[in-house]
Amino acid sequence: NEAKDAQIQKLQDEIAMKDLELEEI
């Protein structure tokens, strides 16, 4: 569960970064 939680957090961070990139574009 801890490993999956860490992976989920990483993916959520990546999504947030992609959203920022899209907003900049």
PDBML (XML) file of the C-alpha atoms, coordinates in Angstrom:
<?xml version="1.0" encoding="UTF-8" ?>
<PDBx:datablock datablockName="MODEL"
   xmlns:PDBx="http://pdbml.pdb.org/schema/pdbx-v50.xsd"
   xmlns:xsi="http://www.w3.org/2001/XMLSchema-instance"
   xsi:schemaLocation="http://pdbml.pdb.org/schema/pdbx-v50.xsd pdbx-v50.xsd">
   <PDBx:atom_siteCategory>
      <PDBx:atom_site id="1">
         <PDBx:B_iso_or_equiv>0.00</PDBx:B_iso_or_equiv>
         <PDBx:Cartn_x>0.000</PDBx:Cartn_x>
         <PDBx:Cartn_y>0.000</PDBx:Cartn_y>
         <PDBx:Cartn_z>0.000</PDBx:Cartn_z>
         <PDBx:auth_asym_id>A</PDBx:auth_asym_id>
         <PDBx:auth_atom_id>CA</PDBx:auth_atom_id>
         <PDBx:auth_comp_id>ASN</PDBx:auth_comp_id>
         <PDBx:auth_seq_id>1</PDBx:auth_seq_id>
         <PDBx:group_PDB>ATOM</PDBx:group_PDB>
         <PDBx:label_alt_id xsi:nil="true" />
         <PDBx:label_asym_id>A</PDBx:label_asym_id>
         <PDBx:label_atom_id>CA</PDBx:label_atom_id>
         <PDBx:label_comp_id>ASN</PDBx:label_comp_id>
         <PDBx:label_entity_id>1</PDBx:label_entity_id>
         <PDBx:label_seq_id>1</PDBx:label_seq_id>
         <PDBx:occupancy>1.00</PDBx:occupancy>
         <PDBx:pdbx_PDB_model_num>1</PDBx:pdbx_PDB_model_num>
         <PDBx:type_symbol>C</PDBx:type_symbol>
      </PDBx:atom_site>
      <PDBx:atom_site id="2">
         <PDBx:B_iso_or_equiv>0.00</PDBx:B_iso_or_equiv>
         <PDBx:Cartn_x>2.800</PDBx:Cartn_x>
         <PDBx:Cartn_y>2.413</PDBx:Cartn_y>
         <PDBx:Cartn_z>0.845</PDBx:Cartn_z>
         <PDBx:auth_asym_id>A</PDBx:auth_asym_id>
         <PDBx:auth_atom_id>CA</PDBx:auth_atom_id>
         <PDBx:auth_comp_id>GLU</PDBx:auth_comp_id>
         <PDBx:auth_seq_id>2</PDBx:auth_seq_id>
         <PDBx:group_PDB>ATOM</PDBx:group_PDB>
         <PDBx:label_alt_id xsi:nil="true" />
         <PDBx:label_asym_id>A</PDBx:label_asym_id>
         <PDBx:label_atom_id>CA</PDBx:label_atom_id>
         <PDBx:label_comp_id>GLU</PDBx:label_comp_id>
         <PDBx:label_entity_id>1</PDBx:label_entity_id>
         <PDBx:label_seq_id>2</PDBx:label_seq_id>
         <PDBx:occupancy>1.00</PDBx:occupancy>
         <PDBx:pdbx_PDB_model_num>1</PDBx:pdbx_PDB_model_num>
         <PDBx:type_symbol>C</PDBx:type_symbol>
      </PDBx:atom_site>
      <PDBx:atom_site id="3">
         <PDBx:B_iso_or_equiv>0.00</PDBx:B_iso_or_equiv>
         <PDBx:Cartn_x>4.481</PDBx:Cartn_x>
         <PDBx:Cartn_y>1.706</PDBx:Cartn_y>
         <PDBx:Cartn_z>-2.487</PDBx:Cartn_z>
         <PDBx:auth_asym_id>A</PDBx:auth_asym_id>
         <PDBx:auth_atom_id>CA</PDBx:auth_atom_id>
         <PDBx:auth_comp_id>ALA</PDBx:auth_comp_id>
         <PDBx:auth_seq_id>3</PDBx:auth_seq_id>
         <PDBx:group_PDB>ATOM</PDBx:group_PDB>
         <PDBx:label_alt_id xsi:nil="true" />
         <PDBx:label_asym_id>A</PDBx:label_asym_id>
         <PDBx:label_atom_id>CA</PDBx:label_atom_id>
         <PDBx:label_comp_id>ALA</PDBx:label_comp_id>
         <PDBx:label_entity_id>1</PDBx:label_entity_id>
         <PDBx:label_seq_id>3</PDBx:label_seq_id>
         <PDBx:occupancy>1.00</PDBx:occupancy>
         <PDBx:pdbx_PDB_model_num>1</PDBx:pdbx_PDB_model_num>
         <PDBx:type_symbol>C</PDBx:type_symbol>
      </PDBx:atom_site>
      <PDBx:atom_site id="4">
         <PDBx:B_iso_or_equiv>0.00</PDBx:B_iso_or_equiv>
         <PDBx:Cartn_x>1.215</PDBx:Cartn_x>
         <PDBx:Cartn_y>2.215</PDBx:Cartn_y>
         <PDBx:Cartn_z>-4.356</PDBx:Cartn_z>
         <PDBx:auth_asym_id>A</PDBx:auth_asym_id>
         <PDBx:auth_atom_id>CA</PDBx:auth_atom_id>
         <PDBx:auth_comp_id>LYS</PDBx:auth_comp_id>
         <PDBx:auth_seq_id>4</PDBx:auth_seq_id>
         <PDBx:group_PDB>ATOM</PDBx:group_PDB>
         <PDBx:label_alt_id xsi:nil="true" />
         <PDBx:label_asym_id>A</PDBx:label_asym_id>
         <PDBx:label_atom_id>CA</PDBx:label_atom_id>
         <PDBx:label_comp_id>LYS</PDBx:label_comp_id>
         <PDBx:label_entity_id>1</PDBx:label_entity_id>
         <PDBx:label_seq_id>4</PDBx:label_seq_id>
         <PDBx:occupancy>1.00</PDBx:occupancy>
         <PDBx:pdbx_PDB_model_num>1</PDBx:pdbx_PDB_model_num>
         <PDBx:type_symbol>C</PDBx:type_symbol>
      </PDBx:atom_site>
      <PDBx:atom_site id="5">
         <PDBx:B_iso_or_equiv>0.00</PDBx:B_iso_or_equiv>
         <PDBx:Cartn_x>0.497</PDBx:Cartn_x>
         <PDBx:Cartn_y>5.424</PDBx:Cartn_y>
         <PDBx:Cartn_z>-2.430</PDBx:Cartn_z>
         <PDBx:auth_asym_id>A</PDBx:auth_asym_id>
         <PDBx:auth_atom_id>CA</PDBx:auth_atom_id>
         <PDBx:auth_comp_id>ASP</PDBx:auth_comp_id>
         <PDBx:auth_seq_id>5</PDBx:auth_seq_id>
         <PDBx:group_PDB>ATOM</PDBx:group_PDB>
         <PDBx:label_alt_id xsi:nil="true" />
         <PDBx:label_asym_id>A</PDBx:label_asym_id>
         <PDBx:label_atom_id>CA</PDBx:label_atom_id>
         <PDBx:label_comp_id>ASP</PDBx:label_comp_id>
         <PDBx:label_entity_id>1</PDBx:label_entity_id>
         <PDBx:label_seq_id>5</PDBx:label_seq_id>
         <PDBx:occupancy>1.00</PDBx:occupancy>
         <PDBx:pdbx_PDB_model_num>1</PDBx:pdbx_PDB_model_num>
         <PDBx:type_symbol>C</PDBx:type_symbol>
      </PDBx:atom_site>
      <PDBx:atom_site id="6">
         <PDBx:B_iso_or_equiv>0.00</PDBx:B_iso_or_equiv>
         <PDBx:Cartn_x>3.934</PDBx:Cartn_x>
         <PDBx:Cartn_y>6.735</PDBx:Cartn_y>
         <PDBx:Cartn_z>-3.409</PDBx:Cartn_z>
         <PDBx:auth_asym_id>A</PDBx:auth_asym_id>
         <PDBx:auth_atom_id>CA</PDBx:auth_atom_id>
         <PDBx:auth_comp_id>ALA</PDBx:auth_comp_id>
         <PDBx:auth_seq_id>6</PDBx:auth_seq_id>
         <PDBx:group_PDB>ATOM</PDBx:group_PDB>
         <PDBx:label_alt_id xsi:nil="true" />
         <PDBx:label_asym_id>A</PDBx:label_asym_id>
         <PDBx:label_atom_id>CA</PDBx:label_atom_id>
         <PDBx:label_comp_id>ALA</PDBx:label_comp_id>
         <PDBx:label_entity_id>1</PDBx:label_entity_id>
         <PDBx:label_seq_id>6</PDBx:label_seq_id>
         <PDBx:occupancy>1.00</PDBx:occupancy>
         <PDBx:pdbx_PDB_model_num>1</PDBx:pdbx_PDB_model_num>
         <PDBx:type_symbol>C</PDBx:type_symbol>
      </PDBx:atom_site>
      <PDBx:atom_site id="7">
         <PDBx:B_iso_or_equiv>0.00</PDBx:B_iso_or_equiv>
         <PDBx:Cartn_x>3.316</PDBx:Cartn_x>
         <PDBx:Cartn_y>5.803</PDBx:Cartn_y>
         <PDBx:Cartn_z>-7.038</PDBx:Cartn_z>
         <PDBx:auth_asym_id>A</PDBx:auth_asym_id>
         <PDBx:auth_atom_id>CA</PDBx:auth_atom_id>
         <PDBx:auth_comp_id>GLN</PDBx:auth_comp_id>
         <PDBx:auth_seq_id>7</PDBx:auth_seq_id>
         <PDBx:group_PDB>ATOM</PDBx:group_PDB>
         <PDBx:label_alt_id xsi:nil="true" />
         <PDBx:label_asym_id>A</PDBx:label_asym_id>
         <PDBx:label_atom_id>CA</PDBx:label_atom_id>
         <PDBx:label_comp_id>GLN</PDBx:label_comp_id>
         <PDBx:label_entity_id>1</PDBx:label_entity_id>
         <PDBx:label_seq_id>7</PDBx:label_seq_id>
         <PDBx:occupancy>1.00</PDBx:occupancy>
         <PDBx:pdbx_PDB_model_num>1</PDBx:pdbx_PDB_model_num>
         <PDBx:type_symbol>C</PDBx:type_symbol>
      </PDBx:atom_site>
      <PDBx:atom_site id="8">
         <PDBx:B_iso_or_equiv>0.00</PDBx:B_iso_or_equiv>
         <PDBx:Cartn_x>-0.109</PDBx:Cartn_x>
         <PDBx:Cartn_y>7.487</PDBx:Cartn_y>
         <PDBx:Cartn_z>-6.996</PDBx:Cartn_z>
         <PDBx:auth_asym_id>A</PDBx:auth_asym_id>
         <PDBx:auth_atom_id>CA</PDBx:auth_atom_id>
         <PDBx:auth_comp_id>ILE</PDBx:auth_comp_id>
         <PDBx:auth_seq_id>8</PDBx:auth_seq_id>
         <PDBx:group_PDB>ATOM</PDBx:group_PDB>
         <PDBx:label_alt_id xsi:nil="true" />
         <PDBx:label_asym_id>A</PDBx:label_asym_id>
         <PDBx:label_atom_id>CA</PDBx:label_atom_id>
         <PDBx:label_comp_id>ILE</PDBx:label_comp_id>
         <PDBx:label_entity_id>1</PDBx:label_entity_id>
         <PDBx:label_seq_id>8</PDBx:label_seq_id>
         <PDBx:occupancy>1.00</PDBx:occupancy>
         <PDBx:pdbx_PDB_model_num>1</PDBx:pdbx_PDB_model_num>
         <PDBx:type_symbol>C</PDBx:type_symbol>
      </PDBx:atom_site>
      <PDBx:atom_site id="9">
         <PDBx:B_iso_or_equiv>0.00</PDBx:B_iso_or_equiv>
         <PDBx:Cartn_x>1.417</PDBx:Cartn_x>
         <PDBx:Cartn_y>10.640</PDBx:Cartn_y>
         <PDBx:Cartn_z>-5.516</PDBx:Cartn_z>
         <PDBx:auth_asym_id>A</PDBx:auth_asym_id>
         <PDBx:auth_atom_id>CA</PDBx:auth_atom_id>
         <PDBx:auth_comp_id>GLN</PDBx:auth_comp_id>
         <PDBx:auth_seq_id>9</PDBx:auth_seq_id>
         <PDBx:group_PDB>ATOM</PDBx:group_PDB>
         <PDBx:label_alt_id xsi:nil="true" />
         <PDBx:label_asym_id>A</PDBx:label_asym_id>
         <PDBx:label_atom_id>CA</PDBx:label_atom_id>
         <PDBx:label_comp_id>GLN</PDBx:label_comp_id>
         <PDBx:label_entity_id>1</PDBx:label_entity_id>
         <PDBx:label_seq_id>9</PDBx:label_seq_id>
         <PDBx:occupancy>1.00</PDBx:occupancy>
         <PDBx:pdbx_PDB_model_num>1</PDBx:pdbx_PDB_model_num>
         <PDBx:type_symbol>C</PDBx:type_symbol>
      </PDBx:atom_site>
      <PDBx:atom_site id="10">
         <PDBx:B_iso_or_equiv>0.00</PDBx:B_iso_or_equiv>
         <PDBx:Cartn_x>4.114</PDBx:Cartn_x>
         <PDBx:Cartn_y>10.651</PDBx:Cartn_y>
         <PDBx:Cartn_z>-8.193</PDBx:Cartn_z>
         <PDBx:auth_asym_id>A</PDBx:auth_asym_id>
         <PDBx:auth_atom_id>CA</PDBx:auth_atom_id>
         <PDBx:auth_comp_id>LYS</PDBx:auth_comp_id>
         <PDBx:auth_seq_id>10</PDBx:auth_seq_id>
         <PDBx:group_PDB>ATOM</PDBx:group_PDB>
         <PDBx:label_alt_id xsi:nil="true" />
         <PDBx:label_asym_id>A</PDBx:label_asym_id>
         <PDBx:label_atom_id>CA</PDBx:label_atom_id>
         <PDBx:label_comp_id>LYS</PDBx:label_comp_id>
         <PDBx:label_entity_id>1</PDBx:label_entity_id>
         <PDBx:label_seq_id>10</PDBx:label_seq_id>
         <PDBx:occupancy>1.00</PDBx:occupancy>
         <PDBx:pdbx_PDB_model_num>1</PDBx:pdbx_PDB_model_num>
         <PDBx:type_symbol>C</PDBx:type_symbol>
      </PDBx:atom_site>
      <PDBx:atom_site id="11">
         <PDBx:B_iso_or_equiv>0.00</PDBx:B_iso_or_equiv>
         <PDBx:Cartn_x>1.495</PDBx:Cartn_x>
         <PDBx:Cartn_y>10.284</PDBx:Cartn_y>
         <PDBx:Cartn_z>-10.931</PDBx:Cartn_z>
         <PDBx:auth_asym_id>A</PDBx:auth_asym_id>
         <PDBx:auth_atom_id>CA</PDBx:auth_atom_id>
         <PDBx:auth_comp_id>LEU</PDBx:auth_comp_id>
         <PDBx:auth_seq_id>11</PDBx:auth_seq_id>
         <PDBx:group_PDB>ATOM</PDBx:group_PDB>
         <PDBx:label_alt_id xsi:nil="true" />
         <PDBx:label_asym_id>A</PDBx:label_asym_id>
         <PDBx:label_atom_id>CA</PDBx:label_atom_id>
         <PDBx:label_comp_id>LEU</PDBx:label_comp_id>
         <PDBx:label_entity_id>1</PDBx:label_entity_id>
         <PDBx:label_seq_id>11</PDBx:label_seq_id>
         <PDBx:occupancy>1.00</PDBx:occupancy>
         <PDBx:pdbx_PDB_model_num>1</PDBx:pdbx_PDB_model_num>
         <PDBx:type_symbol>C</PDBx:type_symbol>
      </PDBx:atom_site>
      <PDBx:atom_site id="12">
         <PDBx:B_iso_or_equiv>0.00</PDBx:B_iso_or_equiv>
         <PDBx:Cartn_x>-0.633</PDBx:Cartn_x>
         <PDBx:Cartn_y>13.042</PDBx:Cartn_y>
         <PDBx:Cartn_z>-9.424</PDBx:Cartn_z>
         <PDBx:auth_asym_id>A</PDBx:auth_asym_id>
         <PDBx:auth_atom_id>CA</PDBx:auth_atom_id>
         <PDBx:auth_comp_id>GLN</PDBx:auth_comp_id>
         <PDBx:auth_seq_id>12</PDBx:auth_seq_id>
         <PDBx:group_PDB>ATOM</PDBx:group_PDB>
         <PDBx:label_alt_id xsi:nil="true" />
         <PDBx:label_asym_id>A</PDBx:label_asym_id>
         <PDBx:label_atom_id>CA</PDBx:label_atom_id>
         <PDBx:label_comp_id>GLN</PDBx:label_comp_id>
         <PDBx:label_entity_id>1</PDBx:label_entity_id>
         <PDBx:label_seq_id>12</PDBx:label_seq_id>
         <PDBx:occupancy>1.00</PDBx:occupancy>
         <PDBx:pdbx_PDB_model_num>1</PDBx:pdbx_PDB_model_num>
         <PDBx:type_symbol>C</PDBx:type_symbol>
      </PDBx:atom_site>
      <PDBx:atom_site id="13">
         <PDBx:B_iso_or_equiv>0.00</PDBx:B_iso_or_equiv>
         <PDBx:Cartn_x>2.418</PDBx:Cartn_x>
         <PDBx:Cartn_y>15.311</PDBx:Cartn_y>
         <PDBx:Cartn_z>-9.363</PDBx:Cartn_z>
         <PDBx:auth_asym_id>A</PDBx:auth_asym_id>
         <PDBx:auth_atom_id>CA</PDBx:auth_atom_id>
         <PDBx:auth_comp_id>ASP</PDBx:auth_comp_id>
         <PDBx:auth_seq_id>13</PDBx:auth_seq_id>
         <PDBx:group_PDB>ATOM</PDBx:group_PDB>
         <PDBx:label_alt_id xsi:nil="true" />
         <PDBx:label_asym_id>A</PDBx:label_asym_id>
         <PDBx:label_atom_id>CA</PDBx:label_atom_id>
         <PDBx:label_comp_id>ASP</PDBx:label_comp_id>
         <PDBx:label_entity_id>1</PDBx:label_entity_id>
         <PDBx:label_seq_id>13</PDBx:label_seq_id>
         <PDBx:occupancy>1.00</PDBx:occupancy>
         <PDBx:pdbx_PDB_model_num>1</PDBx:pdbx_PDB_model_num>
         <PDBx:type_symbol>C</PDBx:type_symbol>
      </PDBx:atom_site>
      <PDBx:atom_site id="14">
         <PDBx:B_iso_or_equiv>0.00</PDBx:B_iso_or_equiv>
         <PDBx:Cartn_x>3.120</PDBx:Cartn_x>
         <PDBx:Cartn_y>14.473</PDBx:Cartn_y>
         <PDBx:Cartn_z>-13.008</PDBx:Cartn_z>
         <PDBx:auth_asym_id>A</PDBx:auth_asym_id>
         <PDBx:auth_atom_id>CA</PDBx:auth_atom_id>
         <PDBx:auth_comp_id>GLU</PDBx:auth_comp_id>
         <PDBx:auth_seq_id>14</PDBx:auth_seq_id>
         <PDBx:group_PDB>ATOM</PDBx:group_PDB>
         <PDBx:label_alt_id xsi:nil="true" />
         <PDBx:label_asym_id>A</PDBx:label_asym_id>
         <PDBx:label_atom_id>CA</PDBx:label_atom_id>
         <PDBx:label_comp_id>GLU</PDBx:label_comp_id>
         <PDBx:label_entity_id>1</PDBx:label_entity_id>
         <PDBx:label_seq_id>14</PDBx:label_seq_id>
         <PDBx:occupancy>1.00</PDBx:occupancy>
         <PDBx:pdbx_PDB_model_num>1</PDBx:pdbx_PDB_model_num>
         <PDBx:type_symbol>C</PDBx:type_symbol>
      </PDBx:atom_site>
      <PDBx:atom_site id="15">
         <PDBx:B_iso_or_equiv>0.00</PDBx:B_iso_or_equiv>
         <PDBx:Cartn_x>-0.489</PDBx:Cartn_x>
         <PDBx:Cartn_y>15.273</PDBx:Cartn_y>
         <PDBx:Cartn_z>-13.941</PDBx:Cartn_z>
         <PDBx:auth_asym_id>A</PDBx:auth_asym_id>
         <PDBx:auth_atom_id>CA</PDBx:auth_atom_id>
         <PDBx:auth_comp_id>ILE</PDBx:auth_comp_id>
         <PDBx:auth_seq_id>15</PDBx:auth_seq_id>
         <PDBx:group_PDB>ATOM</PDBx:group_PDB>
         <PDBx:label_alt_id xsi:nil="true" />
         <PDBx:label_asym_id>A</PDBx:label_asym_id>
         <PDBx:label_atom_id>CA</PDBx:label_atom_id>
         <PDBx:label_comp_id>ILE</PDBx:label_comp_id>
         <PDBx:label_entity_id>1</PDBx:label_entity_id>
         <PDBx:label_seq_id>15</PDBx:label_seq_id>
         <PDBx:occupancy>1.00</PDBx:occupancy>
         <PDBx:pdbx_PDB_model_num>1</PDBx:pdbx_PDB_model_num>
         <PDBx:type_symbol>C</PDBx:type_symbol>
      </PDBx:atom_site>
      <PDBx:atom_site id="16">
         <PDBx:B_iso_or_equiv>0.00</PDBx:B_iso_or_equiv>
         <PDBx:Cartn_x>-0.243</PDBx:Cartn_x>
         <PDBx:Cartn_y>18.603</PDBx:Cartn_y>
         <PDBx:Cartn_z>-12.130</PDBx:Cartn_z>
         <PDBx:auth_asym_id>A</PDBx:auth_asym_id>
         <PDBx:auth_atom_id>CA</PDBx:auth_atom_id>
         <PDBx:auth_comp_id>ALA</PDBx:auth_comp_id>
         <PDBx:auth_seq_id>16</PDBx:auth_seq_id>
         <PDBx:group_PDB>ATOM</PDBx:group_PDB>
         <PDBx:label_alt_id xsi:nil="true" />
         <PDBx:label_asym_id>A</PDBx:label_asym_id>
         <PDBx:label_atom_id>CA</PDBx:label_atom_id>
         <PDBx:label_comp_id>ALA</PDBx:label_comp_id>
         <PDBx:label_entity_id>1</PDBx:label_entity_id>
         <PDBx:label_seq_id>16</PDBx:label_seq_id>
         <PDBx:occupancy>1.00</PDBx:occupancy>
         <PDBx:pdbx_PDB_model_num>1</PDBx:pdbx_PDB_model_num>
         <PDBx:type_symbol>C</PDBx:type_symbol>
      </PDBx:atom_site>
      <PDBx:atom_site id="17">
         <PDBx:B_iso_or_equiv>0.00</PDBx:B_iso_or_equiv>
         <PDBx:Cartn_x>2.939</PDBx:Cartn_x>
         <PDBx:Cartn_y>19.436</PDBx:Cartn_y>
         <PDBx:Cartn_z>-14.044</PDBx:Cartn_z>
         <PDBx:auth_asym_id>A</PDBx:auth_asym_id>
         <PDBx:auth_atom_id>CA</PDBx:auth_atom_id>
         <PDBx:auth_comp_id>MET</PDBx:auth_comp_id>
         <PDBx:auth_seq_id>17</PDBx:auth_seq_id>
         <PDBx:group_PDB>ATOM</PDBx:group_PDB>
         <PDBx:label_alt_id xsi:nil="true" />
         <PDBx:label_asym_id>A</PDBx:label_asym_id>
         <PDBx:label_atom_id>CA</PDBx:label_atom_id>
         <PDBx:label_comp_id>MET</PDBx:label_comp_id>
         <PDBx:label_entity_id>1</PDBx:label_entity_id>
         <PDBx:label_seq_id>17</PDBx:label_seq_id>
         <PDBx:occupancy>1.00</PDBx:occupancy>
         <PDBx:pdbx_PDB_model_num>1</PDBx:pdbx_PDB_model_num>
         <PDBx:type_symbol>C</PDBx:type_symbol>
      </PDBx:atom_site>
      <PDBx:atom_site id="18">
         <PDBx:B_iso_or_equiv>0.00</PDBx:B_iso_or_equiv>
         <PDBx:Cartn_x>1.326</PDBx:Cartn_x>
         <PDBx:Cartn_y>18.475</PDBx:Cartn_y>
         <PDBx:Cartn_z>-17.353</PDBx:Cartn_z>
         <PDBx:auth_asym_id>A</PDBx:auth_asym_id>
         <PDBx:auth_atom_id>CA</PDBx:auth_atom_id>
         <PDBx:auth_comp_id>LYS</PDBx:auth_comp_id>
         <PDBx:auth_seq_id>18</PDBx:auth_seq_id>
         <PDBx:group_PDB>ATOM</PDBx:group_PDB>
         <PDBx:label_alt_id xsi:nil="true" />
         <PDBx:label_asym_id>A</PDBx:label_asym_id>
         <PDBx:label_atom_id>CA</PDBx:label_atom_id>
         <PDBx:label_comp_id>LYS</PDBx:label_comp_id>
         <PDBx:label_entity_id>1</PDBx:label_entity_id>
         <PDBx:label_seq_id>18</PDBx:label_seq_id>
         <PDBx:occupancy>1.00</PDBx:occupancy>
         <PDBx:pdbx_PDB_model_num>1</PDBx:pdbx_PDB_model_num>
         <PDBx:type_symbol>C</PDBx:type_symbol>
      </PDBx:atom_site>
      <PDBx:atom_site id="19">
         <PDBx:B_iso_or_equiv>0.00</PDBx:B_iso_or_equiv>
         <PDBx:Cartn_x>-1.662</PDBx:Cartn_x>
         <PDBx:Cartn_y>20.683</PDBx:Cartn_y>
         <PDBx:Cartn_z>-16.505</PDBx:Cartn_z>
         <PDBx:auth_asym_id>A</PDBx:auth_asym_id>
         <PDBx:auth_atom_id>CA</PDBx:auth_atom_id>
         <PDBx:auth_comp_id>ASP</PDBx:auth_comp_id>
         <PDBx:auth_seq_id>19</PDBx:auth_seq_id>
         <PDBx:group_PDB>ATOM</PDBx:group_PDB>
         <PDBx:label_alt_id xsi:nil="true" />
         <PDBx:label_asym_id>A</PDBx:label_asym_id>
         <PDBx:label_atom_id>CA</PDBx:label_atom_id>
         <PDBx:label_comp_id>ASP</PDBx:label_comp_id>
         <PDBx:label_entity_id>1</PDBx:label_entity_id>
         <PDBx:label_seq_id>19</PDBx:label_seq_id>
         <PDBx:occupancy>1.00</PDBx:occupancy>
         <PDBx:pdbx_PDB_model_num>1</PDBx:pdbx_PDB_model_num>
         <PDBx:type_symbol>C</PDBx:type_symbol>
      </PDBx:atom_site>
      <PDBx:atom_site id="20">
         <PDBx:B_iso_or_equiv>0.00</PDBx:B_iso_or_equiv>
         <PDBx:Cartn_x>0.716</PDBx:Cartn_x>
         <PDBx:Cartn_y>23.603</PDBx:Cartn_y>
         <PDBx:Cartn_z>-15.898</PDBx:Cartn_z>
         <PDBx:auth_asym_id>A</PDBx:auth_asym_id>
         <PDBx:auth_atom_id>CA</PDBx:auth_atom_id>
         <PDBx:auth_comp_id>LEU</PDBx:auth_comp_id>
         <PDBx:auth_seq_id>20</PDBx:auth_seq_id>
         <PDBx:group_PDB>ATOM</PDBx:group_PDB>
         <PDBx:label_alt_id xsi:nil="true" />
         <PDBx:label_asym_id>A</PDBx:label_asym_id>
         <PDBx:label_atom_id>CA</PDBx:label_atom_id>
         <PDBx:label_comp_id>LEU</PDBx:label_comp_id>
         <PDBx:label_entity_id>1</PDBx:label_entity_id>
         <PDBx:label_seq_id>20</PDBx:label_seq_id>
         <PDBx:occupancy>1.00</PDBx:occupancy>
         <PDBx:pdbx_PDB_model_num>1</PDBx:pdbx_PDB_model_num>
         <PDBx:type_symbol>C</PDBx:type_symbol>
      </PDBx:atom_site>
      <PDBx:atom_site id="21">
         <PDBx:B_iso_or_equiv>0.00</PDBx:B_iso_or_equiv>
         <PDBx:Cartn_x>2.456</PDBx:Cartn_x>
         <PDBx:Cartn_y>22.929</PDBx:Cartn_y>
         <PDBx:Cartn_z>-19.192</PDBx:Cartn_z>
         <PDBx:auth_asym_id>A</PDBx:auth_asym_id>
         <PDBx:auth_atom_id>CA</PDBx:auth_atom_id>
         <PDBx:auth_comp_id>GLU</PDBx:auth_comp_id>
         <PDBx:auth_seq_id>21</PDBx:auth_seq_id>
         <PDBx:group_PDB>ATOM</PDBx:group_PDB>
         <PDBx:label_alt_id xsi:nil="true" />
         <PDBx:label_asym_id>A</PDBx:label_asym_id>
         <PDBx:label_atom_id>CA</PDBx:label_atom_id>
         <PDBx:label_comp_id>GLU</PDBx:label_comp_id>
         <PDBx:label_entity_id>1</PDBx:label_entity_id>
         <PDBx:label_seq_id>21</PDBx:label_seq_id>
         <PDBx:occupancy>1.00</PDBx:occupancy>
         <PDBx:pdbx_PDB_model_num>1</PDBx:pdbx_PDB_model_num>
         <PDBx:type_symbol>C</PDBx:type_symbol>
      </PDBx:atom_site>
      <PDBx:atom_site id="22">
         <PDBx:B_iso_or_equiv>0.00</PDBx:B_iso_or_equiv>
         <PDBx:Cartn_x>-0.899</PDBx:Cartn_x>
         <PDBx:Cartn_y>22.883</PDBx:Cartn_y>
         <PDBx:Cartn_z>-20.992</PDBx:Cartn_z>
         <PDBx:auth_asym_id>A</PDBx:auth_asym_id>
         <PDBx:auth_atom_id>CA</PDBx:auth_atom_id>
         <PDBx:auth_comp_id>LEU</PDBx:auth_comp_id>
         <PDBx:auth_seq_id>22</PDBx:auth_seq_id>
         <PDBx:group_PDB>ATOM</PDBx:group_PDB>
         <PDBx:label_alt_id xsi:nil="true" />
         <PDBx:label_asym_id>A</PDBx:label_asym_id>
         <PDBx:label_atom_id>CA</PDBx:label_atom_id>
         <PDBx:label_comp_id>LEU</PDBx:label_comp_id>
         <PDBx:label_entity_id>1</PDBx:label_entity_id>
         <PDBx:label_seq_id>22</PDBx:label_seq_id>
         <PDBx:occupancy>1.00</PDBx:occupancy>
         <PDBx:pdbx_PDB_model_num>1</PDBx:pdbx_PDB_model_num>
         <PDBx:type_symbol>C</PDBx:type_symbol>
      </PDBx:atom_site>
      <PDBx:atom_site id="23">
         <PDBx:B_iso_or_equiv>0.00</PDBx:B_iso_or_equiv>
         <PDBx:Cartn_x>-1.902</PDBx:Cartn_x>
         <PDBx:Cartn_y>26.155</PDBx:Cartn_y>
         <PDBx:Cartn_z>-19.372</PDBx:Cartn_z>
         <PDBx:auth_asym_id>A</PDBx:auth_asym_id>
         <PDBx:auth_atom_id>CA</PDBx:auth_atom_id>
         <PDBx:auth_comp_id>GLU</PDBx:auth_comp_id>
         <PDBx:auth_seq_id>23</PDBx:auth_seq_id>
         <PDBx:group_PDB>ATOM</PDBx:group_PDB>
         <PDBx:label_alt_id xsi:nil="true" />
         <PDBx:label_asym_id>A</PDBx:label_asym_id>
         <PDBx:label_atom_id>CA</PDBx:label_atom_id>
         <PDBx:label_comp_id>GLU</PDBx:label_comp_id>
         <PDBx:label_entity_id>1</PDBx:label_entity_id>
         <PDBx:label_seq_id>23</PDBx:label_seq_id>
         <PDBx:occupancy>1.00</PDBx:occupancy>
         <PDBx:pdbx_PDB_model_num>1</PDBx:pdbx_PDB_model_num>
         <PDBx:type_symbol>C</PDBx:type_symbol>
      </PDBx:atom_site>
      <PDBx:atom_site id="24">
         <PDBx:B_iso_or_equiv>0.00</PDBx:B_iso_or_equiv>
         <PDBx:Cartn_x>1.381</PDBx:Cartn_x>
         <PDBx:Cartn_y>27.729</PDBx:Cartn_y>
         <PDBx:Cartn_z>-20.501</PDBx:Cartn_z>
         <PDBx:auth_asym_id>A</PDBx:auth_asym_id>
         <PDBx:auth_atom_id>CA</PDBx:auth_atom_id>
         <PDBx:auth_comp_id>GLU</PDBx:auth_comp_id>
         <PDBx:auth_seq_id>24</PDBx:auth_seq_id>
         <PDBx:group_PDB>ATOM</PDBx:group_PDB>
         <PDBx:label_alt_id xsi:nil="true" />
         <PDBx:label_asym_id>A</PDBx:label_asym_id>
         <PDBx:label_atom_id>CA</PDBx:label_atom_id>
         <PDBx:label_comp_id>GLU</PDBx:label_comp_id>
         <PDBx:label_entity_id>1</PDBx:label_entity_id>
         <PDBx:label_seq_id>24</PDBx:label_seq_id>
         <PDBx:occupancy>1.00</PDBx:occupancy>
         <PDBx:pdbx_PDB_model_num>1</PDBx:pdbx_PDB_model_num>
         <PDBx:type_symbol>C</PDBx:type_symbol>
      </PDBx:atom_site>
      <PDBx:atom_site id="25">
         <PDBx:B_iso_or_equiv>0.00</PDBx:B_iso_or_equiv>
         <PDBx:Cartn_x>0.830</PDBx:Cartn_x>
         <PDBx:Cartn_y>26.468</PDBx:Cartn_y>
         <PDBx:Cartn_z>-24.062</PDBx:Cartn_z>
         <PDBx:auth_asym_id>A</PDBx:auth_asym_id>
         <PDBx:auth_atom_id>CA</PDBx:auth_atom_id>
         <PDBx:auth_comp_id>ILE</PDBx:auth_comp_id>
         <PDBx:auth_seq_id>25</PDBx:auth_seq_id>
         <PDBx:group_PDB>ATOM</PDBx:group_PDB>
         <PDBx:label_alt_id xsi:nil="true" />
         <PDBx:label_asym_id>A</PDBx:label_asym_id>
         <PDBx:label_atom_id>CA</PDBx:label_atom_id>
         <PDBx:label_comp_id>ILE</PDBx:label_comp_id>
         <PDBx:label_entity_id>1</PDBx:label_entity_id>
         <PDBx:label_seq_id>25</PDBx:label_seq_id>
         <PDBx:occupancy>1.00</PDBx:occupancy>
         <PDBx:pdbx_PDB_model_num>1</PDBx:pdbx_PDB_model_num>
         <PDBx:type_symbol>C</PDBx:type_symbol>
      </PDBx:atom_site>
   </PDBx:atom_siteCategory>
</PDBx:datablock>
